[in-house]
PDB file of all heavy atoms in Angstrom:
ATOM      1  N   LYS A   1      -4.001   3.295  29.944  1.00  0.00           N
ATOM      2  CA  LYS A   1      -3.124   3.493  28.783  1.00  0.00           C
ATOM      3  C   LYS A   1      -1.643   3.211  29.119  1.00  0.00           C
ATOM      4  O   LYS A   1      -0.778   3.669  28.412  1.00  0.00           O
ATOM      5  CB  LYS A   1      -3.228   5.001  28.352  1.00  0.00           C
ATOM      6  CG  LYS A   1      -4.622   5.422  27.789  1.00  0.00           C
ATOM      7  CD  LYS A   1      -4.781   4.933  26.388  1.00  0.00           C
ATOM      8  CE  LYS A   1      -6.037   5.528  25.721  1.00  0.00           C
ATOM      9  NZ  LYS A   1      -6.145   5.194  24.327  1.00  0.00           N
ATOM     10  N   THR A   2      -1.494   2.409  30.175  1.00  0.00           N
ATOM     11  CA  THR A   2      -0.106   2.240  30.663  1.00  0.00           C
ATOM     12  C   THR A   2       0.720   1.491  29.572  1.00  0.00           C
ATOM     13  O   THR A   2       1.857   1.873  29.295  1.00  0.00           O
ATOM     14  CB  THR A   2      -0.087   1.318  31.917  1.00  0.00           C
ATOM     15  OG1 THR A   2      -0.944   1.968  32.884  1.00  0.00           O
ATOM     16  CG2 THR A   2       1.285   1.208  32.499  1.00  0.00           C
ATOM     17  N   LYS A   3       0.197   0.490  28.947  1.00  0.00           N
ATOM     18  CA  LYS A   3       0.945  -0.292  27.934  1.00  0.00           C
ATOM     19  C   LYS A   3       1.281   0.630  26.737  1.00  0.00           C
ATOM     20  O   LYS A   3       2.408   0.605  26.220  1.00  0.00           O
ATOM     21  CB  LYS A   3       0.200  -1.489  27.488  1.00  0.00           C
ATOM     22  CG  LYS A   3       0.096  -2.607  28.600  1.00  0.00           C
ATOM     23  CD  LYS A   3      -0.640  -3.786  28.006  1.00  0.00           C
ATOM     24  CE  LYS A   3      -0.740  -4.870  29.107  1.00  0.00           C
ATOM     25  NZ  LYS A   3      -1.409  -6.140  28.575  1.00  0.00           N
ATOM     26  N   GLU A   4       0.298   1.373  26.251  1.00  0.00           N
ATOM     27  CA  GLU A   4       0.506   2.222  25.084  1.00  0.00           C
ATOM     28  C   GLU A   4       1.557   3.295  25.439  1.00  0.00           C
ATOM     29  O   GLU A   4       2.446   3.587  24.621  1.00  0.00           O
ATOM     30  CB  GLU A   4      -0.796   2.934  24.687  1.00  0.00           C
ATOM     31  CG  GLU A   4      -1.858   1.950  24.158  1.00  0.00           C
ATOM     32  CD  GLU A   4      -2.798   1.431  25.167  1.00  0.00           C
ATOM     33  OE1 GLU A   4      -2.313   1.355  26.363  1.00  0.00           O
ATOM     34  OE2 GLU A   4      -3.946   1.161  24.868  1.00  0.00           O
ATOM     35  N   HIS A   5       1.409   3.861  26.591  1.00  0.00           N
ATOM     36  CA  HIS A   5       2.421   4.938  26.980  1.00  0.00           C
ATOM     37  C   HIS A   5       3.795   4.361  27.154  1.00  0.00           C
ATOM     38  O   HIS A   5       4.725   4.996  26.727  1.00  0.00           O
ATOM     39  CB  HIS A   5       1.972   5.566  28.336  1.00  0.00           C
ATOM     40  CG  HIS A   5       2.903   6.572  28.867  1.00  0.00           C
ATOM     41  ND1 HIS A   5       3.094   7.843  28.282  1.00  0.00           N
ATOM     42  CD2 HIS A   5       3.804   6.491  29.913  1.00  0.00           C
ATOM     43  CE1 HIS A   5       4.024   8.513  28.918  1.00  0.00           C
ATOM     44  NE2 HIS A   5       4.457   7.745  29.904  1.00  0.00           N
ATOM     45  N   THR A   6       3.939   3.178  27.675  1.00  0.00           N
ATOM     46  CA  THR A   6       5.216   2.540  27.873  1.00  0.00           C
ATOM     47  C   THR A   6       5.850   2.284  26.506  1.00  0.00           C
ATOM     48  O   THR A   6       7.081   2.526  26.323  1.00  0.00           O
ATOM     49  CB  THR A   6       5.074   1.262  28.666  1.00  0.00           C
ATOM     50  OG1 THR A   6       4.525   1.487  29.965  1.00  0.00           O
ATOM     51  CG2 THR A   6       6.442   0.563  28.860  1.00  0.00           C
ATOM     52  N   ALA A   7       5.014   1.804  25.611  1.00  0.00           N
ATOM     53  CA  ALA A   7       5.498   1.527  24.225  1.00  0.00           C
ATOM     54  C   ALA A   7       5.983   2.779  23.580  1.00  0.00           C
ATOM     55  O   ALA A   7       7.057   2.834  22.904  1.00  0.00           O
ATOM     56  CB  ALA A   7       4.441   0.819  23.409  1.00  0.00           C
ATOM     57  N   LEU A   8       5.254   3.864  23.687  1.00  0.00           N
ATOM     58  CA  LEU A   8       5.596   5.149  23.084  1.00  0.00           C
ATOM     59  C   LEU A   8       6.875   5.710  23.726  1.00  0.00           C
ATOM     60  O   LEU A   8       7.755   6.244  23.039  1.00  0.00           O
ATOM     61  CB  LEU A   8       4.486   6.151  23.192  1.00  0.00           C
ATOM     62  CG  LEU A   8       3.287   5.951  22.266  1.00  0.00           C
ATOM     63  CD1 LEU A   8       2.172   6.976  22.577  1.00  0.00           C
ATOM     64  CD2 LEU A   8       3.701   6.107  20.796  1.00  0.00           C
ATOM     65  N   THR A   9       6.968   5.533  25.050  1.00  0.00           N
ATOM     66  CA  THR A   9       8.154   6.017  25.768  1.00  0.00           C
ATOM     67  C   THR A   9       9.440   5.245  25.279  1.00  0.00           C
ATOM     68  O   THR A   9      10.494   5.888  25.046  1.00  0.00           O
ATOM     69  CB  THR A   9       7.994   5.882  27.258  1.00  0.00           C
ATOM     70  OG1 THR A   9       6.852   6.652  27.705  1.00  0.00           O
ATOM     71  CG2 THR A   9       9.190   6.402  28.020  1.00  0.00           C
ATOM     72  N   GLU A  10       9.231   3.917  25.189  1.00  0.00           N
ATOM     73  CA  GLU A  10      10.386   3.116  24.708  1.00  0.00           C
ATOM     74  C   GLU A  10      10.795   3.429  23.318  1.00  0.00           C
ATOM     75  O   GLU A  10      11.956   3.498  22.962  1.00  0.00           O
ATOM     76  CB  GLU A  10      10.061   1.636  24.814  1.00  0.00           C
ATOM     77  CG  GLU A  10       9.932   1.119  26.286  1.00  0.00           C
ATOM     78  CD  GLU A  10       9.518  -0.319  26.317  1.00  0.00           C
ATOM     79  OE1 GLU A  10       9.159  -0.881  25.282  1.00  0.00           O
ATOM     80  OE2 GLU A  10       9.491  -0.886  27.454  1.00  0.00           O
ATOM     81  N   LEU A  11       9.810   3.709  22.488  1.00  0.00           N
ATOM     82  CA  LEU A  11      10.066   4.074  21.097  1.00  0.00           C
ATOM     83  C   LEU A  11      10.795   5.427  21.050  1.00  0.00           C
ATOM     84  O   LEU A  11      11.798   5.582  20.312  1.00  0.00           O
ATOM     85  CB  LEU A  11       8.770   4.182  20.314  1.00  0.00           C
ATOM     86  CG  LEU A  11       8.866   4.616  18.846  1.00  0.00           C
ATOM     87  CD1 LEU A  11       9.731   3.626  18.037  1.00  0.00           C
ATOM     88  CD2 LEU A  11       7.491   4.760  18.205  1.00  0.00           C
ATOM     89  N   GLU A  12      10.362   6.403  21.831  1.00  0.00           N
ATOM     90  CA  GLU A  12      11.062   7.682  21.891  1.00  0.00           C
ATOM     91  C   GLU A  12      12.490   7.468  22.404  1.00  0.00           C
ATOM     92  O   GLU A  12      13.392   8.164  21.868  1.00  0.00           O
ATOM     93  CB  GLU A  12      10.284   8.618  22.830  1.00  0.00           C
ATOM     94  CG  GLU A  12      10.911  10.045  22.855  1.00  0.00           C
ATOM     95  CD  GLU A  12      10.084  11.008  23.719  1.00  0.00           C
ATOM     96  OE1 GLU A  12       8.954  10.621  24.136  1.00  0.00           O
ATOM     97  OE2 GLU A  12      10.576  12.079  23.992  1.00  0.00           O
ATOM     98  N   TYR A  13      12.665   6.661  23.362  1.00  0.00           N
ATOM     99  CA  TYR A  13      14.088   6.404  23.854  1.00  0.00           C
ATOM    100  C   TYR A  13      14.920   5.781  22.794  1.00  0.00           C
ATOM    101  O   TYR A  13      16.062   6.237  22.558  1.00  0.00           O
ATOM    102  CB  TYR A  13      13.982   5.462  25.110  1.00  0.00           C
ATOM    103  CG  TYR A  13      15.319   5.108  25.652  1.00  0.00           C
ATOM    104  CD1 TYR A  13      15.928   5.898  26.621  1.00  0.00           C
ATOM    105  CD2 TYR A  13      16.068   3.974  25.189  1.00  0.00           C
ATOM    106  CE1 TYR A  13      17.164   5.590  27.210  1.00  0.00           C
ATOM    107  CE2 TYR A  13      17.335   3.676  25.703  1.00  0.00           C
ATOM    108  CZ  TYR A  13      17.852   4.489  26.713  1.00  0.00           C
ATOM    109  OH  TYR A  13      19.078   4.153  27.211  1.00  0.00           O
ATOM    110  N   LEU A  14      14.386   4.815  22.013  1.00  0.00           N
ATOM    111  CA  LEU A  14      15.205   4.177  21.018  1.00  0.00           C
ATOM    112  C   LEU A  14      15.517   5.129  19.853  1.00  0.00           C
ATOM    113  O   LEU A  14      16.565   5.063  19.277  1.00  0.00           O
ATOM    114  CB  LEU A  14      14.369   3.016  20.414  1.00  0.00           C
ATOM    115  CG  LEU A  14      14.208   1.738  21.273  1.00  0.00           C
ATOM    116  CD1 LEU A  14      13.305   0.754  20.700  1.00  0.00           C
ATOM    117  CD2 LEU A  14      15.556   1.090  21.610  1.00  0.00           C
ATOM    118  N   VAL A  15      14.613   6.057  19.607  1.00  0.00           N
ATOM    119  CA  VAL A  15      14.878   7.052  18.524  1.00  0.00           C
ATOM    120  C   VAL A  15      16.030   7.962  18.878  1.00  0.00           C
ATOM    121  O   VAL A  15      16.850   8.386  18.017  1.00  0.00           O
ATOM    122  CB  VAL A  15      13.547   7.876  18.262  1.00  0.00           C
ATOM    123  CG1 VAL A  15      13.863   9.122  17.406  1.00  0.00           C
ATOM    124  CG2 VAL A  15      12.559   7.033  17.550  1.00  0.00           C
ATOM    125  N   GLN A  16      16.208   8.208  20.200  1.00  0.00           N
ATOM    126  CA  GLN A  16      17.249   9.165  20.635  1.00  0.00           C
ATOM    127  C   GLN A  16      18.523   8.576  21.225  1.00  0.00           C
ATOM    128  O   GLN A  16      19.456   9.274  21.517  1.00  0.00           O
ATOM    129  CB  GLN A  16      16.652  10.142  21.645  1.00  0.00           C
ATOM    130  CG  GLN A  16      15.554  10.995  21.093  1.00  0.00           C
ATOM    131  CD  GLN A  16      15.207  12.158  22.045  1.00  0.00           C
ATOM    132  OE1 GLN A  16      15.843  13.208  22.020  1.00  0.00           O
ATOM    133  NE2 GLN A  16      14.208  11.934  22.912  1.00  0.00           N
ATOM    134  N   HIS A  17      18.554   7.243  21.405  1.00  0.00           N
ATOM    135  CA  HIS A  17      19.686   6.646  22.032  1.00  0.00           C
ATOM    136  C   HIS A  17      20.373   5.600  21.158  1.00  0.00           C
ATOM    137  O   HIS A  17      19.731   4.836  20.408  1.00  0.00           O
ATOM    138  CB  HIS A  17      19.269   5.972  23.392  1.00  0.00           C
ATOM    139  CG  HIS A  17      18.918   7.007  24.444  1.00  0.00           C
ATOM    140  ND1 HIS A  17      17.684   7.685  24.440  1.00  0.00           N
ATOM    141  CD2 HIS A  17      19.626   7.468  25.460  1.00  0.00           C
ATOM    142  CE1 HIS A  17      17.683   8.530  25.431  1.00  0.00           C
ATOM    143  NE2 HIS A  17      18.791   8.423  26.120  1.00  0.00           N
ATOM    144  N   ASP A  18      21.685   5.431  21.311  1.00  0.00           N
ATOM    145  CA  ASP A  18      22.474   4.446  20.635  1.00  0.00           C
ATOM    146  C   ASP A  18      22.087   3.049  21.198  1.00  0.00           C
ATOM    147  O   ASP A  18      22.116   2.810  22.385  1.00  0.00           O
ATOM    148  CB  ASP A  18      23.943   4.709  20.842  1.00  0.00           C
ATOM    149  CG  ASP A  18      24.842   3.661  20.281  1.00  0.00           C
ATOM    150  OD1 ASP A  18      24.548   3.272  19.157  1.00  0.00           O
ATOM    151  OD2 ASP A  18      25.769   3.316  20.942  1.00  0.00           O
ATOM    152  N   VAL A  19      21.808   2.087  20.310  1.00  0.00           N
ATOM    153  CA  VAL A  19      21.357   0.826  20.732  1.00  0.00           C
ATOM    154  C   VAL A  19      22.500   0.105  21.504  1.00  0.00           C
ATOM    155  O   VAL A  19      22.176  -0.683  22.503  1.00  0.00           O
ATOM    156  CB  VAL A  19      20.961  -0.009  19.485  1.00  0.00           C
ATOM    157  CG1 VAL A  19      20.585  -1.439  19.890  1.00  0.00           C
ATOM    158  CG2 VAL A  19      19.771   0.632  18.784  1.00  0.00           C
ATOM    159  N   LEU A  20      23.733   0.263  21.054  1.00  0.00           N
ATOM    160  CA  LEU A  20      24.814  -0.491  21.647  1.00  0.00           C
ATOM    161  C   LEU A  20      25.175   0.035  23.057  1.00  0.00           C
ATOM    162  O   LEU A  20      25.236  -0.687  23.995  1.00  0.00           O
ATOM    163  CB  LEU A  20      26.054  -0.438  20.745  1.00  0.00           C
ATOM    164  CG  LEU A  20      27.334  -1.096  21.285  1.00  0.00           C
ATOM    165  CD1 LEU A  20      27.135  -2.583  21.435  1.00  0.00           C
ATOM    166  CD2 LEU A  20      28.532  -0.867  20.348  1.00  0.00           C
ATOM    167  N   THR A  21      25.418   1.348  23.114  1.00  0.00           N
ATOM    168  CA  THR A  21      25.940   1.926  24.389  1.00  0.00           C
ATOM    169  C   THR A  21      24.899   2.509  25.311  1.00  0.00           C
ATOM    170  O   THR A  21      25.181   2.744  26.495  1.00  0.00           O
ATOM    171  CB  THR A  21      26.999   2.933  24.065  1.00  0.00           C
ATOM    172  OG1 THR A  21      26.333   4.087  23.368  1.00  0.00           O
ATOM    173  CG2 THR A  21      28.104   2.417  23.173  1.00  0.00           C
ATOM    174  N   GLY A  22      23.746   2.827  24.770  1.00  0.00           N
ATOM    175  CA  GLY A  22      22.689   3.510  25.546  1.00  0.00           C
ATOM    176  C   GLY A  22      22.944   4.997  25.666  1.00  0.00           C
ATOM    177  O   GLY A  22      22.111   5.708  26.306  1.00  0.00           O
ATOM    178  N   LEU A  23      23.996   5.512  25.058  1.00  0.00           N
ATOM    179  CA  LEU A  23      24.259   6.987  25.076  1.00  0.00           C
ATOM    180  C   LEU A  23      23.379   7.670  24.045  1.00  0.00           C
ATOM    181  O   LEU A  23      22.716   6.959  23.184  1.00  0.00           O
ATOM    182  CB  LEU A  23      25.704   7.229  24.692  1.00  0.00           C
ATOM    183  CG  LEU A  23      26.785   6.637  25.611  1.00  0.00           C
ATOM    184  CD1 LEU A  23      28.148   6.903  25.000  1.00  0.00           C
ATOM    185  CD2 LEU A  23      26.697   7.199  26.992  1.00  0.00           C
ATOM    186  N   PHE A  24      23.231   8.943  24.113  1.00  0.00           N
ATOM    187  CA  PHE A  24      22.539   9.696  23.075  1.00  0.00           C
ATOM    188  C   PHE A  24      23.104   9.360  21.742  1.00  0.00           C
ATOM    189  O   PHE A  24      24.384   9.284  21.576  1.00  0.00           O
ATOM    190  CB  PHE A  24      22.631  11.191  23.333  1.00  0.00           C
ATOM    191  CG  PHE A  24      21.533  11.760  24.275  1.00  0.00           C
ATOM    192  CD1 PHE A  24      21.941  12.634  25.245  1.00  0.00           C
ATOM    193  CD2 PHE A  24      20.266  11.397  24.078  1.00  0.00           C
ATOM    194  CE1 PHE A  24      20.969  13.185  26.117  1.00  0.00           C
ATOM    195  CE2 PHE A  24      19.298  11.945  24.905  1.00  0.00           C
ATOM    196  CZ  PHE A  24      19.649  12.803  25.984  1.00  0.00           C
ATOM    197  N   ASN A  25      22.283   9.168  20.696  1.00  0.00           N
ATOM    198  CA  ASN A  25      22.767   9.041  19.395  1.00  0.00           C
ATOM    199  C   ASN A  25      22.706  10.430  18.659  1.00  0.00           C
ATOM    200  O   ASN A  25      22.580  11.446  19.408  1.00  0.00           O
ATOM    201  CB  ASN A  25      21.934   8.018  18.602  1.00  0.00           C
ATOM    202  CG  ASN A  25      20.440   8.397  18.504  1.00  0.00           C
ATOM    203  OD1 ASN A  25      20.071   9.576  18.793  1.00  0.00           O
ATOM    204  ND2 ASN A  25      19.574   7.453  18.148  1.00  0.00           N
ATOM    205  N   ARG A  26      22.889  10.477  17.396  1.00  0.00           N
ATOM    206  CA  ARG A  26      22.922  11.741  16.702  1.00  0.00           C
ATOM    207  C   ARG A  26      21.723  12.588  16.910  1.00  0.00           C
ATOM    208  O   ARG A  26      21.782  13.819  17.123  1.00  0.00           O
ATOM    209  CB  ARG A  26      23.261  11.520  15.224  1.00  0.00           C
ATOM    210  CG  ARG A  26      23.604  12.789  14.391  1.00  0.00           C
ATOM    211  CD  ARG A  26      23.981  12.470  12.953  1.00  0.00           C
ATOM    212  NE  ARG A  26      25.206  11.733  12.876  1.00  0.00           N
ATOM    213  CZ  ARG A  26      26.367  12.330  12.829  1.00  0.00           C
ATOM    214  NH1 ARG A  26      26.459  13.686  12.846  1.00  0.00           N
ATOM    215  NH2 ARG A  26      27.472  11.613  12.771  1.00  0.00           N
ATOM    216  N   ARG A  27      20.504  11.926  16.834  1.00  0.00           N
ATOM    217  CA  ARG A  27      19.245  12.703  17.051  1.00  0.00           C
ATOM    218  C   ARG A  27      19.160  13.138  18.511  1.00  0.00           C
ATOM    219  O   ARG A  27      18.794  14.304  18.714  1.00  0.00           O
ATOM    220  CB  ARG A  27      18.083  11.804  16.699  1.00  0.00           C
ATOM    221  CG  ARG A  27      16.728  12.475  16.824  1.00  0.00           C
ATOM    222  CD  ARG A  27      15.599  11.534  16.686  1.00  0.00           C
ATOM    223  NE  ARG A  27      15.519  11.014  15.321  1.00  0.00           N
ATOM    224  CZ  ARG A  27      14.885  11.656  14.330  1.00  0.00           C
ATOM    225  NH1 ARG A  27      14.285  12.786  14.579  1.00  0.00           N
ATOM    226  NH2 ARG A  27      14.869  11.148  13.145  1.00  0.00           N
ATOM    227  N   GLY A  28      19.535  12.294  19.443  1.00  0.00           N
ATOM    228  CA  GLY A  28      19.458  12.667  20.805  1.00  0.00           C
ATOM    229  C   GLY A  28      20.410  13.790  21.114  1.00  0.00           C
ATOM    230  O   GLY A  28      20.086  14.699  21.855  1.00  0.00           O
ATOM    231  N   PHE A  29      21.581  13.731  20.536  1.00  0.00           N
ATOM    232  CA  PHE A  29      22.630  14.778  20.705  1.00  0.00           C
ATOM    233  C   PHE A  29      22.105  16.094  20.184  1.00  0.00           C
ATOM    234  O   PHE A  29      22.197  17.154  20.812  1.00  0.00           O
ATOM    235  CB  PHE A  29      23.927  14.457  20.046  1.00  0.00           C
ATOM    236  CG  PHE A  29      24.841  15.581  19.773  1.00  0.00           C
ATOM    237  CD1 PHE A  29      25.506  16.117  20.793  1.00  0.00           C
ATOM    238  CD2 PHE A  29      24.990  16.150  18.493  1.00  0.00           C
ATOM    239  CE1 PHE A  29      26.373  17.200  20.608  1.00  0.00           C
ATOM    240  CE2 PHE A  29      25.849  17.218  18.295  1.00  0.00           C
ATOM    241  CZ  PHE A  29      26.586  17.735  19.359  1.00  0.00           C
ATOM    242  N   ARG A  30      21.427  16.064  18.971  1.00  0.00           N
ATOM    243  CA  ARG A  30      20.890  17.327  18.421  1.00  0.00           C
ATOM    244  C   ARG A  30      19.796  17.883  19.284  1.00  0.00           C
ATOM    245  O   ARG A  30      19.781  19.071  19.500  1.00  0.00           O
ATOM    246  CB  ARG A  30      20.422  17.016  16.995  1.00  0.00           C
ATOM    247  CG  ARG A  30      20.035  18.345  16.275  1.00  0.00           C
ATOM    248  CD  ARG A  30      19.710  18.123  14.801  1.00  0.00           C
ATOM    249  NE  ARG A  30      19.387  19.399  14.135  1.00  0.00           N
ATOM    250  CZ  ARG A  30      20.343  20.184  13.691  1.00  0.00           C
ATOM    251  NH1 ARG A  30      21.593  19.870  13.747  1.00  0.00           N
ATOM    252  NH2 ARG A  30      19.954  21.336  13.078  1.00  0.00           N
ATOM    253  N   ASN A  31      18.919  17.036  19.761  1.00  0.00           N
ATOM    254  CA  ASN A  31      17.856  17.475  20.642  1.00  0.00           C
ATOM    255  C   ASN A  31      18.426  18.136  21.923  1.00  0.00           C
ATOM    256  O   ASN A  31      17.951  19.147  22.384  1.00  0.00           O
ATOM    257  CB  ASN A  31      16.920  16.332  21.018  1.00  0.00           C
ATOM    258  CG  ASN A  31      16.082  15.874  19.836  1.00  0.00           C
ATOM    259  OD1 ASN A  31      15.979  16.588  18.887  1.00  0.00           O
ATOM    260  ND2 ASN A  31      15.562  14.655  19.920  1.00  0.00           N
ATOM    261  N   TYR A  32      19.485  17.495  22.456  1.00  0.00           N
ATOM    262  CA  TYR A  32      20.134  18.069  23.639  1.00  0.00           C
ATOM    263  C   TYR A  32      20.712  19.431  23.311  1.00  0.00           C
ATOM    264  O   TYR A  32      20.636  20.392  24.109  1.00  0.00           O
ATOM    265  CB  TYR A  32      21.252  17.133  24.088  1.00  0.00           C
ATOM    266  CG  TYR A  32      22.067  17.657  25.248  1.00  0.00           C
ATOM    267  CD1 TYR A  32      21.669  17.497  26.590  1.00  0.00           C
ATOM    268  CD2 TYR A  32      23.186  18.460  25.054  1.00  0.00           C
ATOM    269  CE1 TYR A  32      22.414  17.966  27.629  1.00  0.00           C
ATOM    270  CE2 TYR A  32      23.976  18.948  26.047  1.00  0.00           C
ATOM    271  CZ  TYR A  32      23.546  18.742  27.373  1.00  0.00           C
ATOM    272  OH  TYR A  32      24.303  19.227  28.386  1.00  0.00           O
ATOM    273  N   MET A  33      21.351  19.524  22.165  1.00  0.00           N
ATOM    274  CA  MET A  33      21.993  20.836  21.743  1.00  0.00           C
ATOM    275  C   MET A  33      20.886  21.889  21.543  1.00  0.00           C
ATOM    276  O   MET A  33      21.114  23.072  21.843  1.00  0.00           O
ATOM    277  CB  MET A  33      22.782  20.616  20.473  1.00  0.00           C
ATOM    278  CG  MET A  33      24.070  19.849  20.667  1.00  0.00           C
ATOM    279  SD  MET A  33      25.243  20.802  21.673  1.00  0.00           S
ATOM    280  CE  MET A  33      25.603  22.172  20.543  1.00  0.00           C
ATOM    281  N   GLU A  34      19.788  21.495  20.979  1.00  0.00           N
ATOM    282  CA  GLU A  34      18.692  22.509  20.814  1.00  0.00           C
ATOM    283  C   GLU A  34      18.203  23.082  22.170  1.00  0.00           C
ATOM    284  O   GLU A  34      17.974  24.235  22.307  1.00  0.00           O
ATOM    285  CB  GLU A  34      17.553  21.857  20.047  1.00  0.00           C
ATOM    286  CG  GLU A  34      17.897  21.625  18.596  1.00  0.00           C
ATOM    287  CD  GLU A  34      16.707  20.935  17.833  1.00  0.00           C
ATOM    288  OE1 GLU A  34      15.742  20.477  18.538  1.00  0.00           O
ATOM    289  OE2 GLU A  34      16.831  20.787  16.567  1.00  0.00           O
TER     290      GLU A  34
END
């Protein structure tokens, strides 16, 4: 399941990180705060 897991991991990263800078985006910041 390596390919599937890698794809899901990358998707989760994109959901939580700013595309330009690679920093946490608003969702990632909120998850960190929680």
